[in-house]
N, C-alpha and C. Protein backbone atom coordinates (compact mmCIF):
# COMPACT_ATOMS: atom_id res chain seq x y z
N MET A 1 0.84 -1.19 0.00
CA MET A 1 0.00 0.00 0.00
C MET A 1 0.88 1.25 0.00
N THR A 2 0.52 2.23 -0.81
CA THR A 2 1.28 3.47 -0.89
C THR A 2 1.12 4.27 0.41
N THR A 3 2.22 4.80 0.90
CA THR A 3 2.19 5.64 2.10
C THR A 3 2.75 7.02 1.77
N SER A 4 2.60 7.96 2.70
CA SER A 4 3.13 9.30 2.46
C SER A 4 4.65 9.29 2.38
N ALA A 5 5.29 8.27 2.99
CA ALA A 5 6.74 8.17 2.94
C ALA A 5 7.24 7.87 1.53
N ASP A 6 6.35 7.36 0.66
CA ASP A 6 6.74 7.07 -0.72
C ASP A 6 6.84 8.34 -1.57
N PHE A 7 6.32 9.45 -1.06
CA PHE A 7 6.39 10.74 -1.77
C PHE A 7 7.61 11.52 -1.27
N THR A 8 8.16 12.33 -2.14
CA THR A 8 9.27 13.19 -1.74
C THR A 8 8.71 14.32 -0.88
N HIS A 9 9.05 14.31 0.40
CA HIS A 9 8.47 15.27 1.33
C HIS A 9 9.53 15.74 2.32
N GLU A 10 9.16 16.75 3.08
CA GLU A 10 10.01 17.21 4.16
C GLU A 10 9.22 17.13 5.46
N THR A 11 9.95 16.89 6.54
CA THR A 11 9.33 16.71 7.85
C THR A 11 9.66 17.89 8.76
N SER A 12 8.68 18.35 9.49
CA SER A 12 8.87 19.45 10.42
C SER A 12 7.95 19.26 11.62
N SER A 13 8.18 20.05 12.65
CA SER A 13 7.34 19.95 13.84
C SER A 13 6.10 20.82 13.73
N ARG A 14 6.14 21.79 12.78
CA ARG A 14 5.00 22.68 12.58
C ARG A 14 4.69 22.78 11.09
N GLY A 15 3.46 23.17 10.79
CA GLY A 15 3.08 23.33 9.40
C GLY A 15 3.86 24.44 8.72
N LEU A 16 4.19 24.26 7.45
CA LEU A 16 4.96 25.25 6.71
C LEU A 16 4.05 26.29 6.08
N THR A 17 4.61 27.45 5.81
CA THR A 17 3.86 28.51 5.15
C THR A 17 3.95 28.32 3.63
N ARG A 18 3.26 29.17 2.88
CA ARG A 18 3.32 29.12 1.42
C ARG A 18 4.75 29.39 0.94
N ASN A 19 5.14 28.75 -0.16
CA ASN A 19 6.42 29.09 -0.77
C ASN A 19 6.25 30.32 -1.66
N LEU A 20 7.34 30.79 -2.27
CA LEU A 20 7.30 32.05 -3.02
C LEU A 20 6.31 32.03 -4.19
N PRO A 21 6.30 30.99 -5.06
CA PRO A 21 5.31 30.99 -6.15
C PRO A 21 3.87 31.01 -5.64
N GLN A 22 3.61 30.35 -4.52
CA GLN A 22 2.25 30.33 -3.97
C GLN A 22 1.87 31.69 -3.40
N LYS A 23 2.82 32.39 -2.79
CA LYS A 23 2.56 33.74 -2.31
C LYS A 23 2.26 34.68 -3.48
N MET A 24 3.04 34.53 -4.55
CA MET A 24 2.81 35.37 -5.74
C MET A 24 1.43 35.07 -6.33
N GLY A 25 1.07 33.79 -6.36
CA GLY A 25 -0.24 33.42 -6.90
C GLY A 25 -1.37 34.04 -6.11
N SER A 26 -1.25 34.08 -4.79
CA SER A 26 -2.29 34.65 -3.94
C SER A 26 -2.47 36.15 -4.20
N ARG A 27 -1.38 36.83 -4.54
CA ARG A 27 -1.44 38.28 -4.72
C ARG A 27 -1.76 38.72 -6.15
N LEU A 28 -1.38 37.90 -7.12
CA LEU A 28 -1.42 38.38 -8.51
C LEU A 28 -2.59 37.84 -9.35
N TRP A 29 -3.30 36.81 -8.88
CA TRP A 29 -4.33 36.24 -9.76
C TRP A 29 -5.42 37.26 -10.06
N LEU A 30 -5.83 38.06 -9.06
CA LEU A 30 -6.90 39.03 -9.27
C LEU A 30 -6.47 40.19 -10.16
N PRO A 31 -5.29 40.82 -9.94
CA PRO A 31 -4.87 41.88 -10.87
C PRO A 31 -4.77 41.41 -12.33
N MET A 32 -4.29 40.16 -12.53
CA MET A 32 -4.20 39.63 -13.89
C MET A 32 -5.59 39.47 -14.50
N PHE A 33 -6.53 39.02 -13.69
CA PHE A 33 -7.90 38.84 -14.18
C PHE A 33 -8.52 40.18 -14.55
N VAL A 34 -8.28 41.20 -13.73
CA VAL A 34 -8.80 42.54 -14.02
C VAL A 34 -8.18 43.08 -15.30
N MET A 35 -6.89 42.84 -15.51
CA MET A 35 -6.23 43.29 -16.74
C MET A 35 -6.87 42.65 -17.97
N ALA A 36 -7.19 41.36 -17.86
CA ALA A 36 -7.84 40.69 -18.98
C ALA A 36 -9.22 41.29 -19.25
N LEU A 37 -9.96 41.62 -18.19
CA LEU A 37 -11.28 42.23 -18.36
C LEU A 37 -11.18 43.59 -19.04
N MET A 38 -10.06 44.27 -18.90
CA MET A 38 -9.87 45.56 -19.56
C MET A 38 -9.40 45.40 -21.00
N ALA A 39 -8.54 44.41 -21.24
CA ALA A 39 -7.92 44.28 -22.56
C ALA A 39 -8.90 43.80 -23.62
N PHE A 40 -9.70 42.80 -23.31
CA PHE A 40 -10.59 42.23 -24.32
C PHE A 40 -11.63 43.24 -24.84
N PRO A 41 -12.33 43.98 -23.97
CA PRO A 41 -13.26 45.00 -24.49
C PRO A 41 -12.56 46.09 -25.30
N THR A 42 -11.35 46.46 -24.90
CA THR A 42 -10.60 47.47 -25.64
C THR A 42 -10.31 46.99 -27.06
N ALA A 43 -9.87 45.73 -27.18
CA ALA A 43 -9.61 45.17 -28.51
C ALA A 43 -10.89 45.10 -29.33
N LEU A 44 -12.00 44.79 -28.69
CA LEU A 44 -13.29 44.71 -29.40
C LEU A 44 -13.68 46.08 -29.95
N VAL A 45 -13.55 47.12 -29.14
CA VAL A 45 -13.88 48.47 -29.60
C VAL A 45 -12.99 48.88 -30.77
N LEU A 46 -11.70 48.59 -30.65
CA LEU A 46 -10.78 48.94 -31.75
C LEU A 46 -11.12 48.17 -33.03
N SER A 47 -11.59 46.94 -32.89
CA SER A 47 -11.99 46.19 -34.09
C SER A 47 -13.20 46.83 -34.75
N TRP A 48 -14.12 47.38 -33.94
CA TRP A 48 -15.27 48.09 -34.51
C TRP A 48 -14.81 49.36 -35.24
N VAL A 49 -13.85 50.06 -34.63
CA VAL A 49 -13.32 51.27 -35.27
C VAL A 49 -12.67 50.92 -36.61
N ARG A 50 -11.91 49.84 -36.63
CA ARG A 50 -11.24 49.42 -37.86
C ARG A 50 -12.26 49.01 -38.92
N ALA A 51 -13.29 48.27 -38.50
CA ALA A 51 -14.33 47.85 -39.44
C ALA A 51 -15.05 49.07 -40.02
N ALA A 52 -15.32 50.06 -39.17
CA ALA A 52 -15.99 51.28 -39.66
C ALA A 52 -15.10 52.04 -40.63
N GLU A 53 -13.80 52.05 -40.37
CA GLU A 53 -12.87 52.73 -41.27
C GLU A 53 -12.80 52.03 -42.63
N ILE A 54 -12.81 50.70 -42.60
CA ILE A 54 -12.78 49.94 -43.85
C ILE A 54 -14.04 50.21 -44.67
N ALA A 55 -15.17 50.33 -43.97
CA ALA A 55 -16.46 50.51 -44.66
C ALA A 55 -16.73 51.96 -45.04
N SER A 56 -15.88 52.90 -44.63
CA SER A 56 -16.12 54.31 -44.92
C SER A 56 -15.91 54.61 -46.40
N THR A 57 -16.41 55.74 -46.82
CA THR A 57 -16.30 56.11 -48.24
C THR A 57 -14.85 56.47 -48.63
N ALA A 58 -14.08 56.93 -47.66
CA ALA A 58 -12.67 57.27 -47.93
C ALA A 58 -11.79 56.62 -46.86
N PRO A 59 -11.61 55.31 -46.94
CA PRO A 59 -10.84 54.62 -45.90
C PRO A 59 -9.38 55.07 -45.87
N ASP A 60 -8.86 55.20 -44.67
CA ASP A 60 -7.46 55.58 -44.47
C ASP A 60 -6.65 54.30 -44.30
N GLY A 61 -5.84 53.97 -45.31
CA GLY A 61 -5.07 52.73 -45.29
C GLY A 61 -4.10 52.67 -44.13
N GLU A 62 -3.50 53.81 -43.76
CA GLU A 62 -2.54 53.82 -42.66
C GLU A 62 -3.23 53.48 -41.33
N THR A 63 -4.41 54.06 -41.10
CA THR A 63 -5.15 53.78 -39.87
C THR A 63 -5.56 52.32 -39.81
N ILE A 64 -6.02 51.80 -40.94
CA ILE A 64 -6.46 50.40 -40.99
C ILE A 64 -5.29 49.47 -40.69
N ALA A 65 -4.14 49.75 -41.30
CA ALA A 65 -2.97 48.90 -41.10
C ALA A 65 -2.46 48.99 -39.66
N THR A 66 -2.47 50.20 -39.10
CA THR A 66 -2.00 50.38 -37.72
C THR A 66 -2.90 49.63 -36.74
N LEU A 67 -4.21 49.78 -36.93
CA LEU A 67 -5.14 49.06 -36.06
C LEU A 67 -5.02 47.55 -36.25
N GLY A 68 -4.65 47.14 -37.45
CA GLY A 68 -4.45 45.71 -37.70
C GLY A 68 -3.32 45.12 -36.88
N GLN A 69 -2.40 45.98 -36.43
CA GLN A 69 -1.32 45.53 -35.54
C GLN A 69 -1.69 45.71 -34.06
N LEU A 70 -2.41 46.78 -33.76
CA LEU A 70 -2.74 47.07 -32.36
C LEU A 70 -3.79 46.11 -31.80
N ILE A 71 -4.74 45.72 -32.64
CA ILE A 71 -5.83 44.85 -32.16
C ILE A 71 -5.30 43.51 -31.66
N PRO A 72 -4.52 42.76 -32.46
CA PRO A 72 -4.00 41.50 -31.91
C PRO A 72 -3.07 41.70 -30.73
N ALA A 73 -2.33 42.83 -30.70
CA ALA A 73 -1.45 43.09 -29.56
C ALA A 73 -2.27 43.20 -28.27
N ILE A 74 -3.33 43.98 -28.32
CA ILE A 74 -4.16 44.17 -27.12
C ILE A 74 -4.92 42.89 -26.79
N GLN A 75 -5.40 42.19 -27.82
CA GLN A 75 -6.09 40.91 -27.58
C GLN A 75 -5.19 39.94 -26.82
N PHE A 76 -3.95 39.87 -27.22
CA PHE A 76 -3.07 38.89 -26.61
C PHE A 76 -2.47 39.37 -25.29
N ILE A 77 -2.54 40.66 -25.02
CA ILE A 77 -2.32 41.10 -23.65
C ILE A 77 -3.40 40.51 -22.76
N GLY A 78 -4.64 40.50 -23.29
CA GLY A 78 -5.74 39.89 -22.56
C GLY A 78 -5.55 38.40 -22.37
N PHE A 79 -5.10 37.71 -23.43
CA PHE A 79 -4.86 36.27 -23.30
C PHE A 79 -3.75 35.98 -22.29
N ALA A 80 -2.67 36.75 -22.37
CA ALA A 80 -1.58 36.55 -21.42
C ALA A 80 -2.06 36.78 -20.00
N ALA A 81 -2.90 37.80 -19.81
CA ALA A 81 -3.39 38.12 -18.47
C ALA A 81 -4.32 37.05 -17.94
N VAL A 82 -5.26 36.58 -18.77
CA VAL A 82 -6.22 35.60 -18.27
C VAL A 82 -5.54 34.25 -18.01
N PHE A 83 -4.60 33.87 -18.86
CA PHE A 83 -3.87 32.62 -18.60
C PHE A 83 -2.98 32.75 -17.36
N ALA A 84 -2.41 33.94 -17.17
CA ALA A 84 -1.63 34.17 -15.95
C ALA A 84 -2.53 34.10 -14.73
N ALA A 85 -3.74 34.66 -14.83
CA ALA A 85 -4.68 34.60 -13.71
C ALA A 85 -5.02 33.16 -13.35
N ILE A 86 -5.24 32.32 -14.36
CA ILE A 86 -5.53 30.91 -14.11
C ILE A 86 -4.33 30.23 -13.46
N SER A 87 -3.15 30.51 -13.99
CA SER A 87 -1.93 29.89 -13.45
C SER A 87 -1.68 30.32 -12.01
N PHE A 88 -1.85 31.62 -11.73
CA PHE A 88 -1.66 32.10 -10.36
C PHE A 88 -2.72 31.54 -9.43
N ALA A 89 -3.94 31.36 -9.95
CA ALA A 89 -5.00 30.76 -9.12
C ALA A 89 -4.64 29.31 -8.76
N ILE A 90 -4.05 28.59 -9.70
CA ILE A 90 -3.60 27.22 -9.40
C ILE A 90 -2.54 27.24 -8.32
N ALA A 91 -1.58 28.18 -8.43
CA ALA A 91 -0.55 28.30 -7.39
C ALA A 91 -1.17 28.66 -6.05
N ARG A 92 -2.18 29.50 -6.07
CA ARG A 92 -2.87 29.87 -4.82
C ARG A 92 -3.55 28.66 -4.20
N ILE A 93 -4.20 27.84 -5.03
CA ILE A 93 -4.85 26.63 -4.54
C ILE A 93 -3.82 25.69 -3.90
N LEU A 94 -2.69 25.54 -4.57
CA LEU A 94 -1.63 24.68 -4.02
C LEU A 94 -1.12 25.22 -2.69
N GLY A 95 -1.08 26.54 -2.55
CA GLY A 95 -0.68 27.13 -1.29
C GLY A 95 -1.67 26.85 -0.17
N VAL A 96 -2.95 26.87 -0.51
CA VAL A 96 -3.98 26.54 0.48
C VAL A 96 -3.85 25.09 0.93
N PHE A 97 -3.60 24.20 -0.02
CA PHE A 97 -3.38 22.79 0.34
C PHE A 97 -2.16 22.63 1.24
N ARG A 98 -1.10 23.35 0.92
CA ARG A 98 0.15 23.23 1.68
C ARG A 98 -0.04 23.67 3.13
N THR A 99 -0.63 24.85 3.31
CA THR A 99 -0.81 25.36 4.67
C THR A 99 -1.90 24.60 5.42
N GLY A 100 -3.01 24.31 4.72
CA GLY A 100 -4.10 23.60 5.38
C GLY A 100 -3.71 22.21 5.83
N GLY A 101 -3.00 21.49 4.96
CA GLY A 101 -2.55 20.14 5.32
C GLY A 101 -1.61 20.16 6.51
N GLY A 102 -0.73 21.16 6.55
CA GLY A 102 0.19 21.28 7.67
C GLY A 102 -0.53 21.60 8.97
N GLN A 103 -1.54 22.48 8.89
CA GLN A 103 -2.28 22.86 10.09
C GLN A 103 -3.05 21.66 10.67
N ILE A 104 -3.60 20.83 9.79
CA ILE A 104 -4.33 19.65 10.27
C ILE A 104 -3.37 18.69 10.99
N GLN A 105 -2.23 18.44 10.37
CA GLN A 105 -1.26 17.53 10.99
C GLN A 105 -0.71 18.10 12.30
N GLU A 106 -0.50 19.40 12.33
CA GLU A 106 0.01 20.04 13.54
C GLU A 106 -1.00 19.95 14.67
N ALA A 107 -2.30 20.12 14.32
CA ALA A 107 -3.35 20.06 15.34
C ALA A 107 -3.47 18.67 15.93
N VAL A 108 -3.25 17.66 15.10
CA VAL A 108 -3.34 16.27 15.59
C VAL A 108 -2.16 15.94 16.48
N GLY A 109 -1.02 16.52 16.21
CA GLY A 109 0.19 16.23 16.97
C GLY A 109 1.11 15.32 16.18
N GLY A 110 2.37 15.28 16.57
CA GLY A 110 3.33 14.46 15.86
C GLY A 110 3.98 15.23 14.75
N GLU A 111 4.70 14.54 13.89
CA GLU A 111 5.44 15.21 12.83
C GLU A 111 4.51 15.67 11.71
N VAL A 112 4.92 16.74 11.07
CA VAL A 112 4.17 17.30 9.94
C VAL A 112 4.93 16.97 8.67
N ARG A 113 4.29 16.29 7.74
CA ARG A 113 4.90 15.95 6.46
C ARG A 113 4.34 16.85 5.37
N THR A 114 5.23 17.54 4.68
CA THR A 114 4.84 18.46 3.61
C THR A 114 5.47 18.01 2.31
N LEU A 115 4.66 17.89 1.30
CA LEU A 115 5.14 17.44 0.00
C LEU A 115 6.11 18.46 -0.59
N LYS A 116 7.26 18.01 -1.05
CA LYS A 116 8.18 18.90 -1.76
C LYS A 116 7.67 19.16 -3.17
N MET A 117 8.17 20.21 -3.77
CA MET A 117 7.70 20.59 -5.09
C MET A 117 7.96 19.47 -6.09
N PRO A 118 6.89 18.89 -6.67
CA PRO A 118 7.08 17.78 -7.62
C PRO A 118 7.53 18.29 -8.98
N PRO A 119 8.05 17.40 -9.84
CA PRO A 119 8.48 17.83 -11.18
C PRO A 119 7.37 18.48 -12.00
N THR A 120 6.13 18.04 -11.80
CA THR A 120 5.02 18.63 -12.56
C THR A 120 4.87 20.12 -12.25
N ALA A 121 5.13 20.50 -10.99
CA ALA A 121 5.03 21.91 -10.62
C ALA A 121 6.13 22.73 -11.29
N ARG A 122 7.31 22.15 -11.42
CA ARG A 122 8.42 22.86 -12.07
C ARG A 122 8.13 23.06 -13.56
N VAL A 123 7.58 22.03 -14.19
CA VAL A 123 7.19 22.16 -15.60
C VAL A 123 6.10 23.21 -15.75
N PHE A 124 5.16 23.21 -14.82
CA PHE A 124 4.07 24.19 -14.81
C PHE A 124 4.62 25.62 -14.78
N MET A 125 5.53 25.90 -13.87
CA MET A 125 6.08 27.25 -13.75
C MET A 125 6.92 27.63 -14.97
N LEU A 126 7.72 26.68 -15.47
CA LEU A 126 8.55 26.97 -16.64
C LEU A 126 7.70 27.26 -17.86
N SER A 127 6.66 26.45 -18.08
CA SER A 127 5.78 26.65 -19.24
C SER A 127 5.05 27.97 -19.15
N MET A 128 4.62 28.32 -17.94
CA MET A 128 3.94 29.60 -17.74
C MET A 128 4.85 30.76 -18.10
N MET A 129 6.10 30.72 -17.64
CA MET A 129 7.04 31.80 -17.94
C MET A 129 7.35 31.89 -19.43
N LEU A 130 7.52 30.73 -20.07
CA LEU A 130 7.79 30.73 -21.51
C LEU A 130 6.60 31.28 -22.29
N GLY A 131 5.40 30.88 -21.88
CA GLY A 131 4.20 31.37 -22.54
C GLY A 131 4.06 32.87 -22.41
N MET A 132 4.29 33.39 -21.21
CA MET A 132 4.19 34.83 -20.99
C MET A 132 5.23 35.58 -21.80
N MET A 133 6.46 35.09 -21.82
CA MET A 133 7.52 35.76 -22.57
C MET A 133 7.22 35.76 -24.06
N ALA A 134 6.74 34.63 -24.60
CA ALA A 134 6.44 34.55 -26.03
C ALA A 134 5.36 35.54 -26.42
N ILE A 135 4.31 35.62 -25.63
CA ILE A 135 3.20 36.52 -25.96
C ILE A 135 3.63 37.97 -25.81
N LEU A 136 4.35 38.30 -24.74
CA LEU A 136 4.76 39.70 -24.53
C LEU A 136 5.76 40.16 -25.58
N VAL A 137 6.65 39.26 -26.01
CA VAL A 137 7.57 39.62 -27.11
C VAL A 137 6.79 39.88 -28.39
N ALA A 138 5.80 39.03 -28.66
CA ALA A 138 4.97 39.23 -29.85
C ALA A 138 4.21 40.55 -29.77
N VAL A 139 3.67 40.86 -28.60
CA VAL A 139 2.95 42.13 -28.42
C VAL A 139 3.89 43.31 -28.67
N ALA A 140 5.08 43.26 -28.10
CA ALA A 140 6.03 44.36 -28.28
C ALA A 140 6.40 44.53 -29.75
N LEU A 141 6.59 43.44 -30.46
CA LEU A 141 6.94 43.54 -31.88
C LEU A 141 5.77 44.02 -32.72
N HIS A 142 4.54 43.69 -32.33
CA HIS A 142 3.37 44.25 -33.02
C HIS A 142 3.37 45.78 -32.89
N LEU A 143 3.74 46.29 -31.73
CA LEU A 143 3.80 47.73 -31.53
C LEU A 143 4.90 48.35 -32.38
N VAL A 144 6.01 47.63 -32.53
CA VAL A 144 7.09 48.11 -33.40
C VAL A 144 6.60 48.20 -34.85
N VAL A 145 5.91 47.18 -35.29
CA VAL A 145 5.37 47.19 -36.67
C VAL A 145 4.38 48.33 -36.83
N ALA A 146 3.51 48.52 -35.84
CA ALA A 146 2.51 49.61 -35.92
C ALA A 146 3.19 50.97 -36.01
N ALA A 147 4.31 51.12 -35.32
CA ALA A 147 5.03 52.40 -35.35
C ALA A 147 5.76 52.64 -36.67
N ASN A 148 5.92 51.59 -37.47
CA ASN A 148 6.66 51.72 -38.74
C ASN A 148 5.78 51.43 -39.95
N ILE A 149 4.48 51.57 -39.79
CA ILE A 149 3.55 51.31 -40.89
C ILE A 149 3.86 52.15 -42.12
N THR A 150 4.24 53.39 -41.90
CA THR A 150 4.47 54.29 -43.05
C THR A 150 5.83 54.12 -43.69
N THR A 151 6.76 53.46 -43.00
CA THR A 151 8.12 53.36 -43.54
C THR A 151 8.44 51.96 -44.06
N TRP A 152 7.78 50.95 -43.57
CA TRP A 152 8.05 49.59 -44.02
C TRP A 152 7.21 49.25 -45.25
N SER A 153 7.72 48.33 -46.05
CA SER A 153 6.97 47.89 -47.23
C SER A 153 5.83 46.97 -46.82
N ALA A 154 4.86 46.82 -47.72
CA ALA A 154 3.72 45.96 -47.44
C ALA A 154 4.16 44.51 -47.23
N VAL A 155 5.18 44.10 -47.98
CA VAL A 155 5.69 42.73 -47.84
C VAL A 155 6.30 42.52 -46.46
N SER A 156 7.08 43.50 -45.99
CA SER A 156 7.69 43.38 -44.66
C SER A 156 6.63 43.33 -43.57
N ILE A 157 5.62 44.17 -43.69
CA ILE A 157 4.55 44.18 -42.68
C ILE A 157 3.81 42.85 -42.67
N ALA A 158 3.50 42.33 -43.86
CA ALA A 158 2.79 41.04 -43.94
C ALA A 158 3.66 39.91 -43.39
N THR A 159 4.95 39.96 -43.69
CA THR A 159 5.86 38.92 -43.19
C THR A 159 5.93 38.92 -41.67
N TRP A 160 6.09 40.12 -41.10
CA TRP A 160 6.13 40.22 -39.65
C TRP A 160 4.81 39.79 -39.01
N SER A 161 3.72 40.17 -39.63
CA SER A 161 2.40 39.83 -39.07
C SER A 161 2.21 38.33 -39.00
N GLU A 162 2.57 37.62 -40.06
CA GLU A 162 2.42 36.17 -40.07
C GLU A 162 3.35 35.51 -39.05
N SER A 163 4.57 36.01 -38.97
CA SER A 163 5.53 35.44 -38.01
C SER A 163 5.06 35.65 -36.57
N LEU A 164 4.54 36.83 -36.29
CA LEU A 164 4.09 37.13 -34.93
C LEU A 164 2.84 36.34 -34.56
N GLU A 165 2.02 36.04 -35.54
CA GLU A 165 0.86 35.19 -35.26
C GLU A 165 1.32 33.82 -34.75
N GLY A 166 2.34 33.28 -35.41
CA GLY A 166 2.88 31.99 -34.96
C GLY A 166 3.47 32.08 -33.57
N LEU A 167 4.15 33.18 -33.26
CA LEU A 167 4.76 33.34 -31.94
C LEU A 167 3.68 33.48 -30.87
N ARG A 168 2.61 34.21 -31.18
CA ARG A 168 1.51 34.36 -30.23
C ARG A 168 0.89 33.01 -29.92
N ARG A 169 0.65 32.23 -30.95
CA ARG A 169 0.02 30.91 -30.75
C ARG A 169 0.95 29.97 -30.00
N LEU A 170 2.25 30.10 -30.22
CA LEU A 170 3.20 29.30 -29.44
C LEU A 170 3.09 29.65 -27.95
N GLY A 171 2.97 30.94 -27.66
CA GLY A 171 2.81 31.37 -26.28
C GLY A 171 1.55 30.78 -25.64
N VAL A 172 0.46 30.79 -26.38
CA VAL A 172 -0.78 30.18 -25.87
C VAL A 172 -0.58 28.70 -25.61
N GLY A 173 0.12 28.03 -26.52
CA GLY A 173 0.39 26.61 -26.34
C GLY A 173 1.19 26.33 -25.09
N PHE A 174 2.21 27.16 -24.83
CA PHE A 174 3.00 27.01 -23.60
C PHE A 174 2.12 27.17 -22.37
N TYR A 175 1.26 28.17 -22.40
CA TYR A 175 0.37 28.41 -21.26
C TYR A 175 -0.54 27.20 -21.01
N LEU A 176 -1.17 26.70 -22.07
CA LEU A 176 -2.09 25.57 -21.91
C LEU A 176 -1.35 24.32 -21.44
N PHE A 177 -0.16 24.13 -21.98
CA PHE A 177 0.68 23.00 -21.55
C PHE A 177 0.98 23.12 -20.05
N GLY A 178 1.35 24.33 -19.62
CA GLY A 178 1.66 24.54 -18.23
C GLY A 178 0.46 24.36 -17.32
N ILE A 179 -0.71 24.86 -17.74
CA ILE A 179 -1.92 24.71 -16.94
C ILE A 179 -2.26 23.24 -16.76
N THR A 180 -2.05 22.45 -17.80
CA THR A 180 -2.28 21.00 -17.68
C THR A 180 -1.42 20.40 -16.59
N PHE A 181 -0.14 20.78 -16.56
CA PHE A 181 0.75 20.26 -15.53
C PHE A 181 0.40 20.84 -14.15
N GLY A 182 -0.12 22.07 -14.13
CA GLY A 182 -0.55 22.64 -12.86
C GLY A 182 -1.72 21.85 -12.27
N LEU A 183 -2.66 21.48 -13.11
CA LEU A 183 -3.78 20.66 -12.63
C LEU A 183 -3.30 19.28 -12.21
N GLY A 184 -2.31 18.75 -12.94
CA GLY A 184 -1.72 17.47 -12.55
C GLY A 184 -1.06 17.56 -11.18
N THR A 185 -0.47 18.72 -10.89
CA THR A 185 0.16 18.92 -9.57
C THR A 185 -0.89 18.92 -8.47
N ILE A 186 -2.03 19.54 -8.74
CA ILE A 186 -3.11 19.52 -7.76
C ILE A 186 -3.54 18.08 -7.46
N ILE A 187 -3.67 17.28 -8.49
CA ILE A 187 -4.05 15.87 -8.29
C ILE A 187 -3.01 15.15 -7.45
N HIS A 188 -1.73 15.41 -7.73
CA HIS A 188 -0.64 14.78 -6.98
C HIS A 188 -0.70 15.17 -5.50
N VAL A 189 -0.94 16.46 -5.24
CA VAL A 189 -1.02 16.95 -3.86
C VAL A 189 -2.23 16.34 -3.15
N LEU A 190 -3.36 16.28 -3.82
CA LEU A 190 -4.55 15.70 -3.21
C LEU A 190 -4.34 14.23 -2.86
N ARG A 191 -3.64 13.52 -3.72
CA ARG A 191 -3.36 12.10 -3.45
C ARG A 191 -2.47 11.97 -2.22
N PHE A 192 -1.43 12.79 -2.13
CA PHE A 192 -0.54 12.76 -0.96
C PHE A 192 -1.30 13.08 0.31
N GLN A 193 -2.12 14.12 0.25
CA GLN A 193 -2.81 14.54 1.47
C GLN A 193 -3.87 13.54 1.89
N SER A 194 -4.55 12.91 0.95
CA SER A 194 -5.55 11.91 1.32
C SER A 194 -4.88 10.72 2.00
N ILE A 195 -3.71 10.33 1.50
CA ILE A 195 -2.96 9.23 2.13
C ILE A 195 -2.49 9.64 3.51
N ARG A 196 -2.00 10.87 3.63
CA ARG A 196 -1.51 11.34 4.93
C ARG A 196 -2.64 11.44 5.95
N ILE A 197 -3.79 11.91 5.55
CA ILE A 197 -4.94 11.99 6.47
C ILE A 197 -5.36 10.60 6.92
N ARG A 198 -5.34 9.65 5.99
CA ARG A 198 -5.67 8.27 6.37
C ARG A 198 -4.69 7.74 7.39
N GLU A 199 -3.41 8.06 7.24
CA GLU A 199 -2.40 7.61 8.19
C GLU A 199 -2.63 8.22 9.57
N ILE A 200 -3.03 9.49 9.59
CA ILE A 200 -3.27 10.15 10.87
C ILE A 200 -4.51 9.55 11.55
N ALA A 201 -5.52 9.28 10.75
CA ALA A 201 -6.78 8.75 11.31
C ALA A 201 -6.64 7.30 11.77
N GLN A 202 -5.72 6.58 11.12
CA GLN A 202 -5.52 5.17 11.47
C GLN A 202 -4.05 4.92 11.79
N PRO A 203 -3.56 5.41 12.94
CA PRO A 203 -2.14 5.24 13.26
C PRO A 203 -1.80 3.78 13.44
N SER A 204 -0.60 3.41 13.02
CA SER A 204 -0.19 2.02 13.12
C SER A 204 0.20 1.68 14.56
């Protein structure tokens, strides 16, 4: 039968507090969510402005092209923010499990066993950082293209736009990959804690 000793853990006399990623998750999930709520409507309004400009009797090509770069940039600020909010919320949940499990064991008495950071959590954090960097780099380069609409050729603008679309989607892929591993970490923690609670309830 699997026991808590089969998991990589640390032993202490008192329950441990949240680690640094869990503290960050507790503080940052809400600001990231609010940022996403601001970014998506802004991109929607700009898309309406661009559509109206295209449909006007004298469309301004420079405005249309500039908005064509700004809209995906703002949209993906929203995507980066909402995926970050989900990731930070997962870290916050893991922090609640960490402190709550320790408090229960401490209240019962005896040693407190706390699960060490599993490999799935490390992959989760790495994927999240890669996803955020990929999207933010793409957003920054979209702004560079928008600032050079009048000086760059149409071919250069189209080439950059297609390349940045791929980079943005890569960032989303990293985020989703990381969130999958974050949820896997929650399952791993729940399994450890359920075994540990059973051990406390049925001491040998």
